[in-house]
Structure formats: C-alpha cells, structure tokens
C-alpha atoms as a PDB file:
ATOM      1  CA  MET A   1       0.302   0.041   0.232  1.00  0.00           C
ATOM      2  CA  GLU A   2       2.766   2.089   0.948  1.00  0.00           C
ATOM      3  CA  ALA A   3       4.781   1.851  -1.828  1.00  0.00           C
ATOM      4  CA  THR A   4       1.504   2.417  -4.107  1.00  0.00           C
ATOM      5  CA  SER A   5       0.745   5.564  -2.571  1.00  0.00           C
ATOM      6  CA  THR A   6       4.751   6.764  -3.436  1.00  0.00           C
ATOM      7  CA  PHE A   7       4.320   6.013  -6.653  1.00  0.00           C
ATOM      8  CA  ALA A   8       1.185   7.666  -7.618  1.00  0.00           C
ATOM      9  CA  ILE A   9       2.566  10.634  -5.947  1.00  0.00           C
ATOM     10  CA  ASP A  10       5.715  10.218  -8.192  1.00  0.00           C
ATOM     11  CA  LEU A  11       3.133  10.398 -10.868  1.00  0.00           C
ATOM     12  CA  ALA A  12       1.220  13.497 -10.046  1.00  0.00           C
ATOM     13  CA  LEU A  13       4.621  15.563  -9.295  1.00  0.00           C
ATOM     14  CA  ALA A  14       6.314  13.047 -13.017  1.00  0.00           C
ATOM     15  CA  GLY A  15       2.807  14.583 -14.620  1.00  0.00           C
ATOM     16  CA  SER A  16       2.876  18.290 -12.666  1.00  0.00           C
ATOM     17  CA  GLY A  17       2.612  20.852 -14.753  1.00  0.00           C
ATOM     18  CA  HIS A  18       5.237  23.018 -12.782  1.00  0.00           C
ATOM     19  CA  GLY A  19       7.385  20.337 -14.479  1.00  0.00           C
ATOM     20  CA  ALA A  20      11.162  20.255 -13.057  1.00  0.00           C
ATOM     21  CA  THR A  21      11.930  23.136 -13.790  1.00  0.00           C
ATOM     22  CA  GLY A  22       8.725  24.799 -11.452  1.00  0.00           C
ATOM     23  CA  GLY A  23       7.093  26.931 -13.480  1.00  0.00           C
ATOM     24  CA  HIS A  24       4.206  28.461 -12.218  1.00  0.00           C
ATOM     25  CA  VAL A  25       0.474  27.461 -14.289  1.00  0.00           C
ATOM     26  CA  PRO A  26      -1.322  30.579 -15.995  1.00  0.00           C
ATOM     27  CA  GLY A  27      -4.798  31.062 -14.038  1.00  0.00           C
ATOM     28  CA  HIS A  28      -4.119  28.318 -10.745  1.00  0.00           C
ATOM     29  CA  GLY A  29      -7.357  26.094 -12.208  1.00  0.00           C
ATOM     30  CA  PRO A  30      -8.748  23.367 -10.502  1.00  0.00           C
ATOM     31  CA  ALA A  31      -5.661  20.781  -9.464  1.00  0.00           C
ATOM     32  CA  THR A  32      -5.494  17.950  -6.224  1.00  0.00           C
ATOM     33  CA  CYS A  33      -3.621  18.154  -3.186  1.00  0.00           C
ATOM     34  CA  LEU A  34      -0.667  16.108  -3.068  1.00  0.00           C
ATOM     35  CA  ASN A  35      -0.286  16.773   0.243  1.00  0.00           C
ATOM     36  CA  CYS A  36      -4.386  15.065   1.530  1.00  0.00           C
ATOM     37  CA  GLY A  37      -6.139  14.892  -1.642  1.00  0.00           C
ATOM     38  CA  THR A  38      -7.952  16.900  -1.692  1.00  0.00           C
ATOM     39  CA  HIS A  39      -9.293  18.957  -4.934  1.00  0.00           C
ATOM     40  CA  VAL A  40      -8.325  22.200  -5.164  1.00  0.00           C
ATOM     41  CA  PRO A  41     -10.330  24.834  -6.991  1.00  0.00           C
ATOM     42  CA  GLU A  42      -7.084  27.704  -7.286  1.00  0.00           C
ATOM     43  CA  ARG A  43      -3.822  28.112  -5.427  1.00  0.00           C
ATOM     44  CA  PHE A  44      -4.027  27.137  -1.939  1.00  0.00           C
ATOM     45  CA  CYS A  45      -5.700  23.735  -0.735  1.00  0.00           C
ATOM     46  CA  GLY A  46      -8.777  24.696   1.496  1.00  0.00           C
ATOM     47  CA  HIS A  47      -8.100  21.247   3.927  1.00  0.00           C
ATOM     48  CA  CYS A  48      -4.542  21.466   4.612  1.00  0.00           C
ATOM     49  CA  GLY A  49      -3.790  24.916   3.467  1.00  0.00           C
ATOM     50  CA  GLN A  50      -1.163  23.548   0.714  1.00  0.00           C
ATOM     51  CA  ASP A  51      -0.147  25.372  -2.097  1.00  0.00           C
ATOM     52  CA  ALA A  52      -1.537  23.062  -4.677  1.00  0.00           C
ATOM     53  CA  HIS A  53       0.663  24.253  -7.323  1.00  0.00           C
ATOM     54  CA  HIS A  54       3.263  24.905  -6.627  1.00  0.00           C
ATOM     55  CA  THR A  55       4.923  21.283  -5.859  1.00  0.00           C
ATOM     56  CA  HIS A  56       6.952  20.740  -7.697  1.00  0.00           C
ATOM     57  CA  ARG A  57      10.066  18.200  -7.038  1.00  0.00           C
ATOM     58  CA  LEU A  58      12.437  19.824  -5.793  1.00  0.00           C
ATOM     59  CA  ASN A  59      15.934  21.252  -6.778  1.00  0.00           C
ATOM     60  CA  LEU A  60      18.962  23.454  -6.561  1.00  0.00           C
ATOM     61  CA  ALA A  61      17.352  26.336  -8.149  1.00  0.00           C
ATOM     62  CA  HIS A  62      14.183  25.368  -6.366  1.00  0.00           C
ATOM     63  CA  MET A  63      16.399  25.712  -3.638  1.00  0.00           C
ATOM     64  CA  LEU A  64      18.746  28.513  -4.476  1.00  0.00           C
ATOM     65  CA  HIS A  65      15.388  30.538  -4.598  1.00  0.00           C
ATOM     66  CA  GLU A  66      13.920  29.818  -1.250  1.00  0.00           C
ATOM     67  CA  ILE A  67      16.896  30.974   1.265  1.00  0.00           C
ATOM     68  CA  PRO A  68      16.418  34.708   0.539  1.00  0.00           C
ATOM     69  CA  HIS A  69      12.321  34.234  -0.270  1.00  0.00           C
ATOM     70  CA  SER A  70      13.005  32.783   3.530  1.00  0.00           C
ATOM     71  CA  ILE A  71      14.298  35.052   5.100  1.00  0.00           C
ATOM     72  CA  TRP A  72      13.337  38.115   3.196  1.00  0.00           C
ATOM     73  CA  HIS A  73       9.711  36.696   5.007  1.00  0.00           C
ATOM     74  CA  VAL A  74      11.351  36.684   8.455  1.00  0.00           C
ATOM     75  CA  ASP A  75      12.970  39.564   8.334  1.00  0.00           C
ATOM     76  CA  LYS A  76       9.967  41.685   7.064  1.00  0.00           C
ATOM     77  CA  GLY A  77       7.576  40.315  10.258  1.00  0.00           C
ATOM     78  CA  ILE A  78      10.840  40.835  13.266  1.00  0.00           C
ATOM     79  CA  GLN A  79      11.053  44.506  11.403  1.00  0.00           C
ATOM     80  CA  HIS A  80       6.988  45.042  11.119  1.00  0.00           C
ATOM     81  CA  SER A  81       6.271  43.688  14.781  1.00  0.00           C
ATOM     82  CA  ILE A  82       9.080  45.736  16.269  1.00  0.00           C
ATOM     83  CA  TRP A  83       8.516  49.063  14.380  1.00  0.00           C
ATOM     84  CA  ASN A  84       4.969  49.042  15.014  1.00  0.00           C
ATOM     85  CA  ILE A  85       5.227  47.915  18.595  1.00  0.00           C
ATOM     86  CA  LEU A  86       7.498  50.205  19.235  1.00  0.00           C
ATOM     87  CA  ARG A  87       5.862  53.368  18.188  1.00  0.00           C
ATOM     88  CA  ARG A  88       1.876  52.499  19.274  1.00  0.00           C
ATOM     89  CA  PRO A  89       2.280  49.197  21.342  1.00  0.00           C
ATOM     90  CA  GLY A  90      -1.393  49.587  23.040  1.00  0.00           C
ATOM     91  CA  THR A  91      -3.195  50.023  18.969  1.00  0.00           C
ATOM     92  CA  THR A  92      -0.211  46.717  17.456  1.00  0.00           C
ATOM     93  CA  ILE A  93      -0.668  44.592  20.350  1.00  0.00           C
ATOM     94  CA  ARG A  94      -4.648  44.947  20.712  1.00  0.00           C
ATOM     95  CA  SER A  95      -5.057  44.413  17.208  1.00  0.00           C
ATOM     96  CA  TYR A  96      -2.742  41.794  16.865  1.00  0.00           C
ATOM     97  CA  LEU A  97      -5.043  40.160  19.630  1.00  0.00           C
ATOM     98  CA  ALA A  98      -8.467  41.114  17.594  1.00  0.00           C
ATOM     99  CA  GLY A  99      -6.938  38.522  14.897  1.00  0.00           C
ATOM    100  CA  GLN A 100      -4.928  40.876  13.524  1.00  0.00           C
ATOM    101  CA  ARG A 101      -2.264  38.224  12.958  1.00  0.00           C
ATOM    102  CA  LYS A 102      -0.363  38.067   9.240  1.00  0.00           C
ATOM    103  CA  TYR A 103       2.361  40.081   9.238  1.00  0.00           C
ATOM    104  CA  HIS A 104       3.079  39.710  12.794  1.00  0.00           C
ATOM    105  CA  PHE A 105       5.792  37.984  14.122  1.00  0.00           C
ATOM    106  CA  PRO A 106       4.712  35.533  16.566  1.00  0.00           C
ATOM    107  CA  PRO A 107       5.224  37.201  20.808  1.00  0.00           C
ATOM    108  CA  LEU A 108       7.563  34.020  21.983  1.00  0.00           C
ATOM    109  CA  SER A 109       9.022  33.443  19.025  1.00  0.00           C
ATOM    110  CA  LEU A 110      10.076  37.670  19.266  1.00  0.00           C
ATOM    111  CA  LEU A 111      11.235  37.266  22.682  1.00  0.00           C
ATOM    112  CA  LEU A 112      13.140  34.285  22.328  1.00  0.00           C
ATOM    113  CA  LEU A 113      14.783  35.700  18.913  1.00  0.00           C
ATOM    114  CA  VAL A 114      15.787  39.279  20.974  1.00  0.00           C
ATOM    115  CA  THR A 115      16.591  38.224  23.674  1.00  0.00           C
ATOM    116  CA  GLY A 116      18.836  35.446  22.241  1.00  0.00           C
ATOM    117  CA  THR A 117      20.239  37.888  20.647  1.00  0.00           C
ATOM    118  CA  TYR A 118      21.092  39.924  23.459  1.00  0.00           C
ATOM    119  CA  ALA A 119      22.657  37.522  25.705  1.00  0.00           C
ATOM    120  CA  PHE A 120      24.569  35.721  22.350  1.00  0.00           C
ATOM    121  CA  LEU A 121      26.480  39.228  21.666  1.00  0.00           C
ATOM    122  CA  PHE A 122      26.770  39.931  25.472  1.00  0.00           C
ATOM    123  CA  ALA A 123      29.081  36.168  25.672  1.00  0.00           C
ATOM    124  CA  VAL A 124      30.733  37.421  22.994  1.00  0.00           C
ATOM    125  CA  LEU A 125      31.967  40.793  23.137  1.00  0.00           C
ATOM    126  CA  HIS A 126      32.651  39.592  26.780  1.00  0.00           C
ATOM    127  CA  ILE A 127      31.094  42.710  28.460  1.00  0.00           C
ATOM    128  CA  ASP A 128      31.583  43.281  32.431  1.00  0.00           C
ATOM    129  CA  ILE A 129      28.773  45.304  33.781  1.00  0.00           C
ATOM    130  CA  VAL A 130      30.280  44.936  37.466  1.00  0.00           C
ATOM    131  CA  PRO A 131      32.783  48.188  37.843  1.00  0.00           C
ATOM    132  CA  PRO A 132      36.331  47.836  39.055  1.00  0.00           C
ATOM    133  CA  ARG A 133      36.932  46.744  42.799  1.00  0.00           C
ATOM    134  CA  ASP A 134      36.449  49.145  45.669  1.00  0.00           C
ATOM    135  CA  PRO A 135      39.080  49.560  47.245  1.00  0.00           C
ATOM    136  CA  ALA A 136      37.235  49.673  50.752  1.00  0.00           C
ATOM    137  CA  MET A 137      35.634  46.316  49.011  1.00  0.00           C
ATOM    138  CA  PRO A 138      36.582  43.330  49.937  1.00  0.00           C
ATOM    139  CA  GLU A 139      37.660  40.145  47.128  1.00  0.00           C
ATOM    140  CA  ALA A 140      35.298  38.381  47.843  1.00  0.00           C
ATOM    141  CA  VAL A 141      32.611  39.814  47.697  1.00  0.00           C
ATOM    142  CA  TRP A 142      33.390  41.657  43.927  1.00  0.00           C
ATOM    143  CA  LEU A 143      34.339  38.364  42.989  1.00  0.00           C
ATOM    144  CA  ALA A 144      31.076  37.278  44.411  1.00  0.00           C
ATOM    145  CA  GLN A 145      28.827  40.338  42.732  1.00  0.00           C
ATOM    146  CA  LYS A 146      31.511  38.721  38.994  1.00  0.00           C
ATOM    147  CA  ASP A 147      29.636  35.811  39.851  1.00  0.00           C
ATOM    148  CA  ALA A 148      26.692  36.183  39.623  1.00  0.00           C
ATOM    149  CA  ALA A 149      26.945  39.361  37.182  1.00  0.00           C
ATOM    150  CA  SER A 150      28.202  36.411  34.530  1.00  0.00           C
ATOM    151  CA  PHE A 151      25.517  33.969  35.670  1.00  0.00           C
ATOM    152  CA  MET A 152      22.306  36.580  34.898  1.00  0.00           C
ATOM    153  CA  ALA A 153      24.292  37.055  31.098  1.00  0.00           C
ATOM    154  CA  LYS A 154      24.987  33.560  30.430  1.00  0.00           C
ATOM    155  CA  TYR A 155      21.390  33.076  31.380  1.00  0.00           C
ATOM    156  CA  MET A 156      19.482  36.321  30.772  1.00  0.00           C
ATOM    157  CA  SER A 157      17.660  34.419  27.635  1.00  0.00           C
ATOM    158  CA  TRP A 158      15.891  32.070  29.906  1.00  0.00           C
ATOM    159  CA  VAL A 159      15.777  34.308  32.288  1.00  0.00           C
ATOM    160  CA  TYR A 160      13.223  36.772  30.489  1.00  0.00           C
ATOM    161  CA  VAL A 161      11.816  33.368  28.885  1.00  0.00           C
ATOM    162  CA  GLY A 162      10.951  32.351  32.301  1.00  0.00           C
ATOM    163  CA  LEU A 163       9.769  35.864  34.406  1.00  0.00           C
ATOM    164  CA  VAL A 164       6.857  36.302  31.341  1.00  0.00           C
ATOM    165  CA  PRO A 165       4.145  34.248  33.435  1.00  0.00           C
ATOM    166  CA  LEU A 166       5.030  36.256  36.864  1.00  0.00           C
ATOM    167  CA  ILE A 167       5.222  39.498  34.500  1.00  0.00           C
ATOM    168  CA  ALA A 168       1.659  38.562  33.545  1.00  0.00           C
ATOM    169  CA  ILE A 169      -0.385  37.234  36.742  1.00  0.00           C
ATOM    170  CA  PHE A 170       1.204  41.042  37.185  1.00  0.00           C
ATOM    171  CA  ALA A 171      -0.599  42.933  34.450  1.00  0.00           C
ATOM    172  CA  ARG A 172      -4.012  40.551  34.543  1.00  0.00           C
ATOM    173  CA  LEU A 173      -3.275  42.721  38.086  1.00  0.00           C
ATOM    174  CA  PHE A 174      -3.213  46.193  36.766  1.00  0.00           C
ATOM    175  CA  LEU A 175      -4.249  45.678  33.646  1.00  0.00           C
ATOM    176  CA  ARG A 176      -7.772  43.901  34.370  1.00  0.00           C
ATOM    177  CA  ARG A 177      -9.443  47.417  33.003  1.00  0.00           C
ATOM    178  CA  GLY A 178      -8.529  46.971  29.975  1.00  0.00           C
ATOM    179  CA  GLY A 179     -10.611  43.228  30.152  1.00  0.00           C
ATOM    180  CA  TYR A 180      -8.062  40.786  28.882  1.00  0.00           C
ATOM    181  CA  ASN A 181      -7.381  37.312  30.059  1.00  0.00           C
ATOM    182  CA  TYR A 182      -4.113  35.601  31.758  1.00  0.00           C
ATOM    183  CA  ALA A 183      -3.281  34.289  28.081  1.00  0.00           C
ATOM    184  CA  GLU A 184      -3.866  37.822  26.588  1.00  0.00           C
ATOM    185  CA  CYS A 185      -1.394  38.587  29.584  1.00  0.00           C
ATOM    186  CA  LEU A 186       1.352  36.529  28.494  1.00  0.00           C
ATOM    187  CA  VAL A 187       1.034  37.685  24.575  1.00  0.00           C
ATOM    188  CA  ILE A 188       1.320  41.706  25.791  1.00  0.00           C
ATOM    189  CA  VAL A 189       3.854  40.608  28.090  1.00  0.00           C
ATOM    190  CA  ALA A 190       5.955  38.730  25.600  1.00  0.00           C
ATOM    191  CA  PHE A 191       5.675  41.155  22.818  1.00  0.00           C
ATOM    192  CA  ILE A 192       6.633  44.336  25.694  1.00  0.00           C
ATOM    193  CA  THR A 193       9.804  42.557  26.734  1.00  0.00           C
ATOM    194  CA  ALA A 194      11.060  41.661  23.061  1.00  0.00           C
ATOM    195  CA  ILE A 195      10.972  45.374  22.797  1.00  0.00           C
ATOM    196  CA  CYS A 196      12.109  46.319  26.361  1.00  0.00           C
ATOM    197  CA  ASN A 197      15.182  43.429  25.323  1.00  0.00           C
ATOM    198  CA  PHE A 198      15.519  44.968  21.331  1.00  0.00           C
ATOM    199  CA  LEU A 199      16.072  48.693  23.566  1.00  0.00           C
ATOM    200  CA  THR A 200      18.402  47.521  25.101  1.00  0.00           C
ATOM    201  CA  LEU A 201      20.149  46.116  21.940  1.00  0.00           C
ATOM    202  CA  LEU A 202      19.995  49.553  20.616  1.00  0.00           C
ATOM    203  CA  THR A 203      22.561  50.741  23.478  1.00  0.00           C
ATOM    204  CA  PHE A 204      25.166  48.023  22.831  1.00  0.00           C
ATOM    205  CA  PRO A 205      27.664  50.267  21.207  1.00  0.00           C
ATOM    206  CA  ILE A 206      27.544  51.759  24.883  1.00  0.00           C
ATOM    207  CA  VAL A 207      27.464  48.996  26.975  1.00  0.00           C
ATOM    208  CA  TYR A 208      30.401  47.658  25.522  1.00  0.00           C
ATOM    209  CA  PHE A 209      33.041  51.266  25.489  1.00  0.00           C
ATOM    210  CA  TYR A 210      32.573  51.221  29.250  1.00  0.00           C
ATOM    211  CA  SER A 211      33.139  47.991  29.942  1.00  0.00           C
ATOM    212  CA  GLY A 212      34.170  47.609  33.339  1.00  0.00           C
ATOM    213  CA  THR A 213      35.048  51.245  33.947  1.00  0.00           C
ATOM    214  CA  PRO A 214      33.740  52.994  36.502  1.00  0.00           C
ATOM    215  CA  GLN A 215      30.626  54.337  34.538  1.00  0.00           C
ATOM    216  CA  VAL A 216      29.473  50.634  33.162  1.00  0.00           C
ATOM    217  CA  GLN A 217      27.210  50.938  36.211  1.00  0.00           C
ATOM    218  CA  LEU A 218      25.707  54.167  35.744  1.00  0.00           C
ATOM    219  CA  VAL A 219      25.577  52.727  31.851  1.00  0.00           C
ATOM    220  CA  SER A 220      23.113  49.793  33.425  1.00  0.00           C
ATOM    221  CA  TYR A 221      21.173  52.064  35.524  1.00  0.00           C
ATOM    222  CA  VAL A 222      19.895  54.186  32.317  1.00  0.00           C
ATOM    223  CA  VAL A 223      19.508  51.310  30.152  1.00  0.00           C
ATOM    224  CA  SER A 224      16.981  50.364  33.099  1.00  0.00           C
ATOM    225  CA  ALA A 225      15.743  52.981  32.718  1.00  0.00           C
ATOM    226  CA  LEU A 226      14.889  52.940  29.307  1.00  0.00           C
ATOM    227  CA  SER A 227      13.720  49.832  29.721  1.00  0.00           C
ATOM    228  CA  LEU A 228      11.494  50.695  32.308  1.00  0.00           C
ATOM    229  CA  GLY A 229      10.345  53.869  30.804  1.00  0.00           C
ATOM    230  CA  TYR A 230       9.487  51.915  27.762  1.00  0.00           C
ATOM    231  CA  ALA A 231       7.435  49.344  29.782  1.00  0.00           C
ATOM    232  CA  THR A 232       5.599  51.805  31.671  1.00  0.00           C
ATOM    233  CA  TRP A 233       4.459  53.668  28.639  1.00  0.00           C
ATOM    234  CA  ALA A 234       3.658  50.561  26.303  1.00  0.00           C
ATOM    235  CA  TYR A 235       1.893  48.909  29.180  1.00  0.00           C
ATOM    236  CA  GLY A 236      -0.247  51.877  30.087  1.00  0.00           C
ATOM    237  CA  ALA A 237      -1.338  51.917  26.242  1.00  0.00           C
ATOM    238  CA  MET A 238      -2.826  48.964  26.779  1.00  0.00           C
ATOM    239  CA  LEU A 239      -6.171  51.011  28.799  1.00  0.00           C
ATOM    240  CA  ALA A 240      -6.213  54.028  26.075  1.00  0.00           C
ATOM    241  CA  HIS A 241      -9.575  52.396  25.359  1.00  0.00           C
ATOM    242  CA  THR A 242     -11.110  52.707  28.708  1.00  0.00           C
ATOM    243  CA  GLY A 243     -11.007  55.614  28.504  1.00  0.00           C
ATOM    244  CA  MET A 244      -8.635  55.714  31.701  1.00  0.00           C
ATOM    245  CA  SER A 245      -6.683  59.465  32.340  1.00  0.00           C
ATOM    246  CA  LEU A 246      -2.561  59.583  31.129  1.00  0.00           C
ATOM    247  CA  ALA A 247      -1.630  59.677  34.658  1.00  0.00           C
ATOM    248  CA  GLY A 248      -4.039  56.606  35.043  1.00  0.00           C
ATOM    249  CA  ARG A 249      -2.978  54.601  32.918  1.00  0.00           C
ATOM    250  CA  LEU A 250       0.589  55.265  33.462  1.00  0.00           C
ATOM    251  CA  LEU A 251       0.389  54.296  37.388  1.00  0.00           C
ATOM    252  CA  ARG A 252      -1.412  50.976  36.386  1.00  0.00           C
ATOM    253  CA  GLY A 253       1.984  50.253  33.649  1.00  0.00           C
ATOM    254  CA  PHE A 254       4.753  51.688  35.950  1.00  0.00           C
ATOM    255  CA  PHE A 255       3.594  47.991  38.175  1.00  0.00           C
ATOM    256  CA  PRO A 256       3.620  44.716  36.304  1.00  0.00           C
ATOM    257  CA  PHE A 257       7.293  45.780  34.696  1.00  0.00           C
ATOM    258  CA  LEU A 258       8.858  46.979  37.766  1.00  0.00           C
ATOM    259  CA  LEU A 259       7.155  44.107  39.917  1.00  0.00           C
ATOM    260  CA  GLY A 260       8.026  41.421  37.744  1.00  0.00           C
ATOM    261  CA  ILE A 261      12.058  41.936  36.814  1.00  0.00           C
ATOM    262  CA  MET A 262      12.601  43.646  40.520  1.00  0.00           C
ATOM    263  CA  LEU A 263      11.158  40.769  42.940  1.00  0.00           C
ATOM    264  CA  PRO A 264      12.416  38.095  40.932  1.00  0.00           C
ATOM    265  CA  SER A 265      15.949  39.763  41.192  1.00  0.00           C
ATOM    266  CA  MET A 266      16.266  40.565  44.317  1.00  0.00           C
ATOM    267  CA  LEU A 267      14.884  36.845  45.525  1.00  0.00           C
ATOM    268  CA  MET A 268      17.685  36.119  43.044  1.00  0.00           C
ATOM    269  CA  GLY A 269      20.550  37.935  45.100  1.00  0.00           C
ATOM    270  CA  TYR A 270      19.160  36.656  48.524  1.00  0.00           C
ATOM    271  CA  ILE A 271      19.861  33.507  47.438  1.00  0.00           C
ATOM    272  CA  MET A 272      22.874  33.467  45.776  1.00  0.00           C
ATOM    273  CA  MET A 273      23.965  35.911  48.565  1.00  0.00           C
ATOM    274  CA  SER A 274      22.577  33.418  51.377  1.00  0.00           C
ATOM    275  CA  ARG A 275      24.427  30.751  49.416  1.00  0.00           C
ATOM    276  CA  GLN A 276      28.312  32.762  50.079  1.00  0.00           C
ATOM    277  CA  PRO A 277      30.760  31.584  52.673  1.00  0.00           C
ATOM    278  CA  ASP A 278      29.924  33.212  56.503  1.00  0.00           C
ATOM    279  CA  ALA A 279      33.163  35.225  56.045  1.00  0.00           C
ATOM    280  CA  VAL A 280      31.371  36.798  52.534  1.00  0.00           C
ATOM    281  CA  LYS A 281      28.687  37.225  54.493  1.00  0.00           C
ATOM    282  CA  LYS A 282      30.544  38.886  56.917  1.00  0.00           C
ATOM    283  CA  GLU A 283      32.627  41.009  55.043  1.00  0.00           C
ATOM    284  CA  TYR A 284      29.691  42.797  52.767  1.00  0.00           C
ATOM    285  CA  GLY A 285      28.049  43.335  56.342  1.00  0.00           C
ATOM    286  CA  GLN A 286      31.182  45.492  57.303  1.00  0.00           C
ATOM    287  CA  TYR A 287      31.650  46.362  54.078  1.00  0.00           C
ATOM    288  CA  LEU A 288      28.187  48.126  53.805  1.00  0.00           C
ATOM    289  CA  LEU A 289      28.511  49.179  58.267  1.00  0.00           C
ATOM    290  CA  ARG A 290      31.551  51.289  56.773  1.00  0.00           C
ATOM    291  CA  LYS A 291      29.816  53.104  53.913  1.00  0.00           C
ATOM    292  CA  GLN A 292      27.270  54.410  56.531  1.00  0.00           C
ATOM    293  CA  GLN A 293      29.357  55.310  58.178  1.00  0.00           C
ATOM    294  CA  ALA A 294      31.358  57.396  54.989  1.00  0.00           C
ATOM    295  CA  LYS A 295      27.951  59.131  54.910  1.00  0.00           C
ATOM    296  CA  ALA A 296      27.204  59.736  58.081  1.00  0.00           C
ATOM    297  CA  ALA A 297      30.862  61.135  58.645  1.00  0.00           C
ATOM    298  CA  PRO A 298      31.291  65.175  58.532  1.00  0.00           C
ATOM    299  CA  ALA A 299      32.739  66.691  55.876  1.00  0.00           C
ATOM    300  CA  PRO A 300      36.146  67.946  56.671  1.00  0.00           C
ATOM    301  CA  ALA A 301      36.395  72.039  57.604  1.00  0.00           C
ATOM    302  CA  ARG A 302      37.800  72.896  54.513  1.00  0.00           C
ATOM    303  CA  PRO A 303      41.005  75.662  55.189  1.00  0.00           C
END
C-alpha cells in the first residue's frame, strides 16, 4: 500500500504542469492537493492549506530561490512587529489580540530571538557590567558580584522567558480594566519584554565602550531606566481604550514590569548571597557599615 501511494505521488509530481523547472501554471486552475488529496479549485488547499500548484520536484534552483525568499519573509515579520510595537504598542498589540496576526512575528518567538541575540552578543563581546573593585570592598564580595553578573549574562534569555508568566500575573492584576484574560496578558508581556530587550540591544555600543569601567554601573542604570520607561508607557497604552486618564494608565503600567523583574532579581540576589560562605557575608556586612559611616561622617572643614 505504501509503495502504491509513493508511486502515485511520483506520478503526480512527474505529471505536474510545473515539471522539473518549477514554472507557474497560468491562472492557478483546478488541481488535486498532493498532501491530502482534496480537490483544489484555485491555488491553496482549503483542507490543509498547502499550495496545490507549487509542488514541483525540488531542485537546486528552487532551493537557491527559497533561501532569500524565506529570509525576506522572516525579516519582514520581525521588522513589522518591532517597528509597530515600538511606536504604537497599545494599538498594535490590541490588533494582534483581535486577530490581525498575519504580518506579525509570533510573540514568544520574537522574545526568544531578540533576547537570545542579546545574550549571545553579551557573551561574545565579554561585556563586564561590574565596575572595578573599590579598594574598600573585600575581594571575596567583589568576586561574588562578578559571578552573579556572569550568571545573569549567561542565562539572560532563559531568565526573561521564565519571568513572562510571572509578569503576566501582575499585568492581569494592573490591566484588569482592559478586560484581558491571562493568556492575552502572556502575549502582551512577551511583546513588550521583547521590545525592552531590543532597546537594550541598541545600547550595546555604549555598554561595550564602558565595559569594566567605573561608569559602567551608571550606564546600566540608564539602560534599565529606558526599559522601565518604555514598559510603563507600553503597558499603560493597553488601557487607552478604557477612557482612563494618562496619569492613571501610566500608574498602572508602571508596576507589571517593575514588580515582575525587580522582585525575582531581589530574591535571586538574596539566594545567591545566602549561599556564600559566612566569611563573605561578614565582610560584606562590614563593608556596608563602613560606607554608611562614611556618608554619616561630617565633611572636613575647609581651610
């Protein structure tokens, strides 16, 4: 039975109007779908969706044509999604949720691609987001901070993907006036987080320039503020159709990203610090105490 089916397919391919050259049939007349056998009056099969006319035997010319064709379509979807969500997050994401999805890159795929690119470049360029050691800071504490930063850089893409369900819980809470269910909040969070990471990608030249310098910490704070600012505006834009004031939308848009990122980061920092030896904890506590005392001490009198 299998041999007969294969032979039938071979005959269909051999007898196709496309032949081995892959030419187009004028007008896309009636045909039979080689995937499911359904009669197709025009071009695409209404049962399985396969193109019923462009099913000629594969050859090298066809594969060379498919490479730029596939890349162009992927780039178009990514560019369309990033550009529109960057400029009009509320309108674009609500349209996607309403069913206008043909020209958009899938949200989770977009998040994985952008964040994966970020993590890859971070590792390849060997960016160091920890400033040089303060002479007053114990070396063991400084090394612990560098280890934590290296861990975050190495697993950045998985950390962000893993945080999407948590951020979606906060989005469901603070965007409830918008009428979004939890699944829709997952889509919203995936899109907005992907754009936040894309904005971070754009700042890579600056971060790389200041890598390992005393200014890198300030640059990291500025980049984080940029992401938080965009996320606040984007989440707030998801409530534009509710008639709420701009201040009310921004207030509700401020918390999903902040709580979804900051709380796990603080928890992770606490866990990593608690796993350090007691000597490191003691030295870190003494270092913080010395810093507080230095701040509280009166400034020396000018001569």
